[in-house]
Amino acid sequence: MTQEEEKFLKAFGKHLKAIREGQKVRIGSKISLRILEQLAEVDHSQIHRIEKGRTAPSLLTLKALAKALGISLSELVSFEE
């Protein structure tokens, strides 16, 4: 993996985490990794690796995460590096 790819994945991971933790406004408490795991049917360890920028999620994983977070797929993947 190139440094540019690593930087991109870390930026996306921070974005995902910010969205997950920002759901506090919408539902009254932040969504933990375990809750997101249940909602998205994605293992919490995989979500953790995505948030840390250690792995690139598949399109289907992104779709499941967006649905679980109550946002569109385009909103999930729209972020600044």
Protein backbone atom coordinates (compact mmCIF):
# COMPACT_ATOMS: atom_id res chain seq x y z
CA MET A 1 0.00 0.00 0.00
CA THR A 2 1.33 3.43 -0.91
CA GLN A 3 1.62 6.31 1.54
CA GLU A 4 -1.08 8.14 -0.41
CA GLU A 5 -3.44 5.18 -0.03
CA GLU A 6 -2.67 4.94 3.69
CA LYS A 7 -3.37 8.64 4.12
CA PHE A 8 -6.67 8.29 2.25
CA LEU A 9 -7.80 5.31 4.36
CA LYS A 10 -6.91 7.10 7.60
CA ALA A 11 -8.85 10.18 6.51
CA PHE A 12 -11.86 8.05 5.63
CA GLY A 13 -11.61 6.22 8.96
CA LYS A 14 -11.63 9.50 10.87
CA HIS A 15 -14.65 10.59 8.83
CA LEU A 16 -16.53 7.37 9.60
CA LYS A 17 -15.75 7.64 13.30
CA ALA A 18 -16.88 11.27 13.38
CA ILE A 19 -20.17 10.31 11.76
CA ARG A 20 -20.66 7.39 14.16
CA GLU A 21 -19.93 9.51 17.21
CA GLY A 22 -21.92 12.42 15.78
CA GLN A 23 -25.09 10.34 15.76
CA LYS A 24 -25.46 11.38 19.41
CA VAL A 25 -27.38 14.42 18.20
CA ARG A 26 -29.79 12.26 16.21
CA ILE A 27 -30.43 9.41 18.66
CA GLY A 28 -29.42 10.85 22.04
CA SER A 29 -26.25 8.83 22.53
CA LYS A 30 -23.28 7.98 20.37
CA ILE A 31 -23.33 4.69 18.53
CA SER A 32 -20.72 2.32 19.90
CA LEU A 33 -18.81 -0.08 17.68
CA ARG A 34 -20.91 -2.93 19.11
CA ILE A 35 -24.18 -1.21 18.28
CA LEU A 36 -23.00 -0.34 14.78
CA GLU A 37 -21.89 -3.96 14.39
CA GLN A 38 -25.44 -5.11 15.14
CA LEU A 39 -27.12 -2.50 12.97
CA ALA A 40 -24.84 -2.99 9.97
CA GLU A 41 -24.15 -6.70 10.46
CA VAL A 42 -20.43 -5.93 10.11
CA ASP A 43 -18.01 -7.29 12.70
CA HIS A 44 -16.93 -4.61 15.19
CA SER A 45 -13.26 -5.52 14.69
CA GLN A 46 -13.64 -4.78 10.98
CA ILE A 47 -15.28 -1.43 11.74
CA HIS A 48 -12.43 -0.67 14.14
CA ARG A 49 -9.84 -1.48 11.43
CA ILE A 50 -11.71 0.76 8.96
CA GLU A 51 -11.82 3.63 11.47
CA LYS A 52 -8.08 3.25 12.11
CA GLY A 53 -7.34 3.26 8.37
CA ARG A 54 -5.94 -0.26 8.42
CA THR A 55 -8.28 -1.78 5.84
CA ALA A 56 -10.28 -0.70 2.82
CA PRO A 57 -13.97 -1.54 3.13
CA SER A 58 -15.86 -3.16 0.29
CA LEU A 59 -18.71 -1.37 -1.42
CA LEU A 60 -21.20 -3.69 0.28
CA THR A 61 -19.69 -2.90 3.68
CA LEU A 62 -19.93 0.82 2.95
CA LYS A 63 -23.57 0.39 1.94
CA ALA A 64 -24.34 -1.51 5.16
CA LEU A 65 -22.59 1.10 7.32
CA ALA A 66 -24.38 3.99 5.63
CA LYS A 67 -27.76 2.31 6.08
CA ALA A 68 -27.03 1.55 9.74
CA LEU A 69 -25.98 5.16 10.34
CA GLY A 70 -29.09 6.49 8.62
CA ILE A 71 -27.18 8.36 5.93
CA SER A 72 -26.73 7.99 2.20
CA LEU A 73 -23.79 6.16 0.72
CA SER A 74 -22.72 9.38 -0.99
CA GLU A 75 -22.70 11.18 2.37
CA LEU A 76 -20.55 8.45 3.87
CA VAL A 77 -17.93 8.66 1.13
CA SER A 78 -17.93 12.47 0.86
CA PHE A 79 -15.06 13.78 2.94
CA GLU A 80 -11.94 15.89 2.69
CA GLU A 81 -8.55 14.24 2.93
